[in-house]
Amino acid sequence: MKKLQLLAGAAMMAVAIAAVPAYAADAPLIGLITKTNTNPYFVKMRAGFEAQAKKDGLRAQAFAGKSDGDSDSQITDIENLIAAHAKGILITASSSAVVPAIEKARKAGILVIALDSPLQPANAADATFATDNFLAGELIGQWAHATMGAGAATAKIAMLDLATGDVPVDVLRDTGFLKGFGIAVKDPNKNGTESDKRIVGHEITAGAEDGGRKAMENLLQKDPGINLVYNINEPAAAGAYQALKAAGKKALIVAIDGSCDGVKNVKAGIIGATSMQFPLLMASLGVDAVAKFAKTGEKPKNSPGLSFFNTGTTLITDHPVKGVPSITSAEGLKKCWG
C-alpha cells in the first residue's frame, strides 16, 4: 500500500511538473490576433506563434475573430491585451476599423506587428511581416504568359478576386498578376481599372471554394471561351475547377497561397501554378521581433526597398518556364506554409 501511495505521489508530482508553463511568471506577454481560428492558414500561423513563443520564453495568448471581417472581436482582443500590459501584438487585421485600437496599444508602449495583411495605412503598425503579394501575383502572371506563348495575345481571362472594397492583399495580387501577364492597370490601388479586352471580368469569391465555383459560373455565362483563370487563393481555384469541369470546359488555372492541399492540386494538374507563402515563418519572425523589443527596445526594420519585411514567396509548378524561377510540387509539399 505504501508503495502504491509513493507511486501515486510521484505521478501527481509528474503531472504538476508537466503543467508548469515553459516561461517565467513575469515573462513578457505576447498576443496573436487572427481573422479566424478555423482557416488552415491561420491555424498554421498560430502553431508557429505558439512554438516560437515557447522557445523565446514569452507568455503567449492567441485570439481570433468569429469570422473573416469580424473587427469588433479583434478590437476587444486588442483592448484586453492592453489591459494585460502585453509587450507585443501580432495581428492579421480584418479591416481598418481596428486601427484606432492599435494606435492606443502603441501609445501604451506595445509593439504591434501586422502579419500577412497590411493595415491601412501601413504605418499604423510598427512593422508588417508579410508575403510580397504583388510579387506573388506577378510570378503566376509571368508563368501563365510564358505557358500560353503566342496564345497569350488572344487569351480570355477570368479574374476571381477576394472582396469588394479594394482590400490591399486582394489588389496587390490582382495587379501583380496583370503586370506579370503584360496587362496595364490604370489605378494600381483598385481592382478592375484595366481596359484590356482580354479580361472577361472580375467576380468576388470571398476566398472560398463555393465562391470560386459561383464566380466561375457567372463568368462562363459571360464568355464560355475563357481559357485562363486567375484566383486570389487556392480554395477559389478549386471552386473554379469544379465549375469548368461541370461545364465541360478546360482552362489554365493559377492561384496564390501554397497550402499543402493547393500544392496537391498542382500535382494533380488542377492548378497549373501557385505562389507559396509562409505563415508559420511570419508568426515565428514576429515573435522573435517582440522578444528582441522586450529586451532591447529595438523595433524591426523593413526589407530593403520595401515598406514591410518580406517573408518570401516561391512559385510551385510541375511545368517550369524559362525565366521564371520555380520548384516542383514534390519540393513544395516539403515546404507548404512553413
Protein backbone atom coordinates (compact mmCIF):
# COMPACT_ATOMS: atom_id res chain seq x y z
CA MET A 1 0.00 0.00 0.00
CA LYS A 2 2.79 2.38 0.95
CA LYS A 3 4.48 1.66 -2.38
CA LEU A 4 1.28 2.47 -4.24
CA GLN A 5 0.96 5.75 -2.34
CA LEU A 6 4.52 6.66 -3.25
CA LEU A 7 3.86 5.85 -6.90
CA ALA A 8 0.65 7.89 -6.84
CA GLY A 9 2.50 10.79 -5.25
CA ALA A 10 5.23 10.61 -7.88
CA ALA A 11 2.61 10.54 -10.64
CA MET A 12 0.90 13.63 -9.18
CA MET A 13 4.26 15.40 -8.99
CA ALA A 14 4.97 14.50 -12.62
CA VAL A 15 1.59 15.94 -13.64
CA ALA A 16 2.30 19.10 -11.69
CA ILE A 17 5.72 19.49 -13.30
CA ALA A 18 4.23 18.90 -16.75
CA ALA A 19 1.64 21.58 -16.05
CA VAL A 20 4.27 24.23 -15.23
CA PRO A 21 4.47 26.71 -18.15
CA ALA A 22 7.73 26.98 -20.11
CA TYR A 23 8.00 30.70 -19.27
CA ALA A 24 8.61 32.58 -16.01
CA ALA A 25 5.61 34.11 -14.25
CA ASP A 26 6.91 37.59 -15.05
CA ALA A 27 7.74 36.76 -18.70
CA PRO A 28 6.61 39.34 -21.28
CA LEU A 29 3.14 38.71 -22.71
CA ILE A 30 2.63 38.47 -26.47
CA GLY A 31 -0.71 38.19 -28.23
CA LEU A 32 -1.69 36.85 -31.64
CA ILE A 33 -4.97 38.00 -33.18
CA THR A 34 -6.03 36.30 -36.42
CA LYS A 35 -9.10 36.78 -38.59
CA THR A 36 -10.48 33.35 -37.65
CA ASN A 37 -9.26 30.24 -35.82
CA THR A 38 -10.66 27.79 -38.39
CA ASN A 39 -8.93 28.79 -41.63
CA PRO A 40 -5.99 26.35 -42.07
CA TYR A 41 -3.75 29.30 -42.96
CA PHE A 42 -4.30 30.90 -39.55
CA VAL A 43 -4.09 27.53 -37.79
CA LYS A 44 -0.58 27.19 -39.22
CA MET A 45 0.23 30.75 -38.19
CA ARG A 46 -0.90 30.07 -34.63
CA ALA A 47 1.25 26.92 -34.48
CA GLY A 48 4.32 28.95 -35.45
CA PHE A 49 3.40 31.64 -32.93
CA GLU A 50 3.00 29.27 -30.00
CA ALA A 51 6.12 27.22 -30.79
CA GLN A 52 8.35 30.30 -31.13
CA ALA A 53 6.90 31.98 -28.03
CA LYS A 54 7.80 28.88 -26.04
CA LYS A 55 11.36 28.96 -27.41
CA ASP A 56 11.71 32.66 -26.61
CA GLY A 57 10.26 32.31 -23.11
CA LEU A 58 7.26 34.56 -23.75
CA ARG A 59 3.75 34.15 -22.38
CA ALA A 60 1.55 33.55 -25.41
CA GLN A 61 -2.17 34.22 -25.83
CA ALA A 62 -3.97 33.66 -29.13
CA PHE A 63 -7.27 35.22 -30.18
CA ALA A 64 -9.38 35.26 -33.35
CA GLY A 65 -12.44 36.87 -34.84
CA LYS A 66 -15.65 34.88 -35.10
CA SER A 67 -15.46 35.16 -38.88
CA ASP A 68 -13.44 36.90 -41.57
CA GLY A 69 -14.38 40.57 -41.27
CA ASP A 70 -15.20 40.46 -37.55
CA SER A 71 -13.35 43.63 -36.50
CA ASP A 72 -15.35 44.06 -33.29
CA SER A 73 -13.91 40.90 -31.73
CA GLN A 74 -10.41 41.93 -32.78
CA ILE A 75 -10.83 45.36 -31.17
CA THR A 76 -11.94 43.69 -27.93
CA ASP A 77 -8.90 41.41 -28.09
CA ILE A 78 -6.58 44.41 -28.52
CA GLU A 79 -8.20 46.17 -25.56
CA ASN A 80 -7.76 43.04 -23.42
CA LEU A 81 -4.07 42.81 -24.33
CA ILE A 82 -3.58 46.48 -23.48
CA ALA A 83 -5.20 45.89 -20.07
CA ALA A 84 -2.95 42.85 -19.55
CA HIS A 85 0.16 45.00 -20.26
CA ALA A 86 1.26 42.91 -23.25
CA LYS A 87 4.68 43.66 -24.71
CA GLY A 88 3.68 42.84 -28.27
CA ILE A 89 0.71 42.14 -30.51
CA LEU A 90 0.79 40.26 -33.82
CA ILE A 91 -2.38 40.77 -35.87
CA THR A 92 -3.94 39.82 -39.18
CA ALA A 93 -6.45 42.66 -39.22
CA SER A 94 -9.95 42.07 -40.57
CA SER A 95 -10.31 45.72 -41.58
CA SER A 96 -9.02 49.22 -40.96
CA ALA A 97 -11.64 49.54 -38.18
CA VAL A 98 -9.03 48.12 -35.78
CA VAL A 99 -6.57 50.97 -36.40
CA PRO A 100 -7.73 53.27 -33.54
CA ALA A 101 -7.35 50.38 -31.07
CA ILE A 102 -3.90 49.62 -32.48
CA GLU A 103 -2.89 53.27 -32.09
CA LYS A 104 -3.98 53.04 -28.45
CA ALA A 105 -1.86 49.92 -27.97
CA ARG A 106 1.21 51.59 -29.45
CA LYS A 107 0.75 54.62 -27.20
CA ALA A 108 0.76 52.18 -24.29
CA GLY A 109 4.23 51.01 -25.36
CA ILE A 110 3.14 47.79 -27.09
CA LEU A 111 4.95 46.71 -30.25
CA VAL A 112 2.33 45.99 -32.93
CA ILE A 113 3.24 43.88 -35.95
CA ALA A 114 0.79 43.25 -38.79
CA LEU A 115 1.08 39.74 -40.23
CA ASP A 116 0.05 38.81 -43.78
CA SER A 117 -2.37 41.72 -44.29
CA PRO A 118 -1.00 45.30 -44.28
CA LEU A 119 -3.01 47.84 -42.31
CA GLN A 120 -4.50 50.92 -43.91
CA PRO A 121 -2.38 53.00 -43.58
CA ALA A 122 0.54 50.56 -43.42
CA ASN A 123 2.38 52.70 -40.86
CA ALA A 124 -0.46 52.21 -38.37
CA ALA A 125 1.59 49.21 -37.21
CA ASP A 126 5.20 49.34 -36.06
CA ALA A 127 6.04 46.77 -38.72
CA THR A 128 4.46 44.37 -41.22
CA PHE A 129 5.71 40.83 -41.80
CA ALA A 130 4.11 39.54 -44.99
CA THR A 131 4.40 37.93 -48.36
CA ASP A 132 5.24 40.29 -51.20
CA ASN A 133 1.71 39.83 -52.54
CA PHE A 134 2.42 41.88 -55.65
CA LEU A 135 5.37 39.63 -56.50
CA ALA A 136 3.29 36.51 -55.76
CA GLY A 137 0.75 37.70 -58.33
CA GLU A 138 3.44 38.75 -60.77
CA LEU A 139 5.05 35.30 -60.70
CA ILE A 140 1.86 33.46 -61.66
CA GLY A 141 1.18 36.12 -64.31
CA GLN A 142 4.62 35.66 -65.85
CA TRP A 143 4.26 31.89 -65.73
CA ALA A 144 0.82 31.97 -67.37
CA HIS A 145 2.01 34.30 -70.13
CA ALA A 146 5.04 32.13 -70.92
CA THR A 147 2.99 28.93 -70.76
CA MET A 148 0.38 30.26 -73.20
CA GLY A 149 3.04 31.50 -75.59
CA ALA A 150 1.56 33.07 -78.72
CA GLY A 151 -1.91 32.31 -77.34
CA ALA A 152 -1.42 34.93 -74.61
CA ALA A 153 -2.19 37.67 -77.13
CA THR A 154 -5.77 36.38 -77.52
CA ALA A 155 -6.32 34.98 -74.04
CA LYS A 156 -9.71 35.20 -72.38
CA ILE A 157 -9.09 35.77 -68.70
CA ALA A 158 -11.37 35.34 -65.69
CA MET A 159 -10.35 37.30 -62.58
CA LEU A 160 -11.58 35.66 -59.37
CA ASP A 161 -10.94 38.22 -56.63
CA LEU A 162 -11.46 38.28 -52.87
CA ALA A 163 -13.91 41.02 -51.96
CA THR A 164 -15.32 44.43 -52.73
CA GLY A 165 -13.72 47.48 -51.17
CA ASP A 166 -10.21 47.05 -52.61
CA VAL A 167 -8.65 45.04 -49.78
CA PRO A 168 -4.84 45.62 -50.06
CA VAL A 169 -3.85 41.94 -50.31
CA ASP A 170 -6.55 41.43 -52.96
CA VAL A 171 -5.45 44.40 -55.05
CA LEU A 172 -1.75 43.59 -54.79
CA ARG A 173 -2.21 40.02 -56.02
CA ASP A 174 -4.62 41.06 -58.76
CA THR A 175 -2.47 43.88 -60.15
CA GLY A 176 0.70 41.82 -59.77
CA PHE A 177 -0.81 39.06 -61.91
CA LEU A 178 -1.88 41.55 -64.57
CA LYS A 179 1.55 43.16 -64.70
CA GLY A 180 3.18 39.74 -64.94
CA PHE A 181 0.90 38.86 -67.85
CA GLY A 182 1.67 42.19 -69.54
CA ILE A 183 -1.64 43.97 -68.98
CA ALA A 184 -1.60 47.63 -67.96
CA VAL A 185 -3.58 48.81 -64.92
CA LYS A 186 -4.81 52.40 -64.71
CA ASP A 187 -5.01 52.56 -60.91
CA PRO A 188 -2.74 50.13 -59.01
CA ASN A 189 -4.75 50.72 -55.84
CA LYS A 190 -8.03 49.41 -57.24
CA ASN A 191 -9.20 46.22 -58.88
CA GLY A 192 -10.82 46.31 -62.30
CA THR A 193 -9.28 49.51 -63.70
CA GLU A 194 -7.62 47.79 -66.68
CA SER A 195 -9.20 48.27 -70.12
CA ASP A 196 -7.59 45.27 -71.86
CA LYS A 197 -10.22 43.32 -73.81
CA ARG A 198 -8.65 40.02 -72.78
CA ILE A 199 -10.17 40.43 -69.32
CA VAL A 200 -13.64 38.86 -69.40
CA GLY A 201 -14.48 40.22 -65.96
CA HIS A 202 -13.93 40.26 -62.20
CA GLU A 203 -16.03 38.27 -59.75
CA ILE A 204 -15.91 38.06 -55.94
CA THR A 205 -15.19 34.71 -54.25
CA ALA A 206 -14.67 35.60 -50.55
CA GLY A 207 -11.66 33.33 -50.89
CA ALA A 208 -13.90 30.27 -50.60
CA GLU A 209 -14.42 27.20 -52.76
CA ASP A 210 -18.14 27.81 -53.12
CA GLY A 211 -17.46 31.43 -54.01
CA GLY A 212 -14.95 30.37 -56.65
CA ARG A 213 -17.46 28.00 -58.23
CA LYS A 214 -20.21 30.62 -58.39
CA ALA A 215 -17.83 33.28 -59.70
CA MET A 216 -16.61 30.96 -62.45
CA GLU A 217 -20.17 30.02 -63.41
CA ASN A 218 -21.05 33.72 -63.75
CA LEU A 219 -18.05 34.46 -65.95
CA LEU A 220 -18.62 31.41 -68.14
CA GLN A 221 -22.11 32.71 -68.86
CA LYS A 222 -20.49 35.96 -69.97
CA ASP A 223 -17.89 34.19 -72.16
CA PRO A 224 -17.77 30.37 -72.49
CA GLY A 225 -14.37 30.69 -74.19
CA ILE A 226 -12.42 31.59 -71.03
CA ASN A 227 -9.05 29.81 -71.15
CA LEU A 228 -7.14 31.38 -68.23
CA VAL A 229 -8.38 31.79 -64.64
CA TYR A 230 -6.62 33.94 -62.04
CA ASN A 231 -7.60 33.15 -58.44
CA ILE A 232 -6.99 35.08 -55.23
CA ASN A 233 -6.29 31.79 -53.46
CA GLU A 234 -6.42 28.02 -53.85
CA PRO A 235 -9.91 27.37 -52.41
CA ALA A 236 -11.31 29.76 -55.03
CA ALA A 237 -9.27 27.90 -57.68
CA ALA A 238 -10.73 24.57 -56.56
CA GLY A 239 -14.23 26.00 -56.98
CA ALA A 240 -13.38 27.41 -60.40
CA TYR A 241 -12.13 24.00 -61.49
CA GLN A 242 -15.40 22.40 -60.40
CA ALA A 243 -17.40 24.90 -62.45
CA LEU A 244 -15.23 24.39 -65.51
CA LYS A 245 -15.48 20.60 -65.21
CA ALA A 246 -19.26 20.74 -64.85
CA ALA A 247 -19.47 22.90 -67.97
CA GLY A 248 -17.18 20.57 -69.93
CA LYS A 249 -14.54 23.30 -70.25
CA LYS A 250 -10.80 23.43 -69.71
CA ALA A 251 -8.66 26.42 -68.77
CA LEU A 252 -5.25 27.20 -67.34
CA ILE A 253 -5.70 27.89 -63.61
CA VAL A 254 -3.31 29.88 -61.41
CA ALA A 255 -3.55 30.82 -57.74
CA ILE A 256 -1.71 32.04 -54.66
CA ASP A 257 -1.21 30.52 -51.19
CA GLY A 258 0.88 27.34 -51.29
CA SER A 259 -1.14 25.28 -48.84
CA CYS A 260 -0.48 21.54 -48.82
CA ASP A 261 -3.91 20.97 -50.42
CA GLY A 262 -3.14 23.59 -53.04
CA VAL A 263 0.22 22.02 -53.87
CA LYS A 264 -1.51 18.63 -54.16
CA ASN A 265 -3.84 20.25 -56.71
CA VAL A 266 -0.77 21.39 -58.65
CA LYS A 267 0.48 17.80 -58.61
CA ALA A 268 -2.95 16.60 -59.79
CA GLY A 269 -2.95 19.07 -62.68
CA ILE A 270 -5.93 21.05 -61.35
CA ILE A 271 -3.83 24.17 -60.73
CA GLY A 272 -1.07 24.96 -63.20
CA ALA A 273 0.98 27.09 -60.82
CA THR A 274 0.63 28.68 -57.39
CA SER A 275 2.77 31.12 -55.42
CA MET A 276 3.56 29.80 -51.95
CA GLN A 277 3.63 32.00 -48.86
CA PHE A 278 4.89 31.17 -45.38
CA PRO A 279 2.51 31.99 -42.48
CA LEU A 280 4.42 29.91 -39.92
CA LEU A 281 7.56 31.90 -40.70
CA MET A 282 5.65 35.20 -40.46
CA ALA A 283 4.49 34.34 -36.97
CA SER A 284 7.83 32.99 -35.71
CA LEU A 285 9.73 36.03 -37.00
CA GLY A 286 7.11 38.29 -35.42
CA VAL A 287 7.56 36.58 -32.05
CA ASP A 288 11.35 36.92 -32.31
CA ALA A 289 10.92 40.64 -33.04
CA VAL A 290 8.78 41.12 -29.93
CA ALA A 291 11.27 39.14 -27.81
CA LYS A 292 14.08 41.40 -29.04
CA PHE A 293 11.98 44.51 -28.43
CA ALA A 294 11.26 43.36 -24.87
CA LYS A 295 14.99 43.02 -24.18
CA THR A 296 16.45 45.96 -26.10
CA GLY A 297 13.63 48.26 -27.16
CA GLU A 298 14.72 47.79 -30.77
CA LYS A 299 11.97 47.64 -33.40
CA PRO A 300 12.13 45.51 -36.58
CA LYS A 301 13.19 47.04 -39.87
CA ASN A 302 11.69 46.67 -43.35
CA SER A 303 13.30 44.69 -46.13
CA PRO A 304 15.46 46.91 -48.38
CA GLY A 305 13.37 48.92 -50.82
CA LEU A 306 10.05 47.76 -49.33
CA SER A 307 7.57 49.18 -46.82
CA PHE A 308 7.37 45.83 -44.99
CA PHE A 309 9.50 42.82 -44.02
CA ASN A 310 9.27 40.32 -46.86
CA THR A 311 8.83 36.72 -45.65
CA GLY A 312 9.23 35.35 -49.17
CA THR A 313 7.24 33.64 -51.92
CA THR A 314 8.06 30.66 -54.15
CA LEU A 315 6.39 29.60 -57.40
CA ILE A 316 5.20 25.97 -57.38
CA THR A 317 4.62 24.22 -60.72
CA ASP A 318 5.40 20.95 -62.45
CA HIS A 319 5.70 22.76 -65.79
CA PRO A 320 8.56 25.25 -65.37
CA VAL A 321 9.16 28.01 -67.89
CA LYS A 322 12.37 29.80 -68.78
CA GLY A 323 12.99 33.00 -66.85
CA VAL A 324 10.52 32.32 -64.02
CA PRO A 325 12.16 30.58 -61.02
CA SER A 326 10.06 27.74 -59.56
CA ILE A 327 10.15 24.44 -57.69
CA THR A 328 8.14 21.27 -58.28
CA SER A 329 5.04 20.16 -56.38
CA ALA A 330 7.11 17.39 -54.77
CA GLU A 331 9.51 20.00 -53.41
CA GLY A 332 6.60 22.27 -52.48
CA LEU A 333 4.97 19.57 -50.34
CA LYS A 334 8.07 19.61 -48.14
CA LYS A 335 7.72 23.36 -47.61
CA CYS A 336 3.99 24.09 -47.65
CA TRP A 337 3.15 27.01 -45.36
CA GLY A 338 6.39 26.60 -43.41
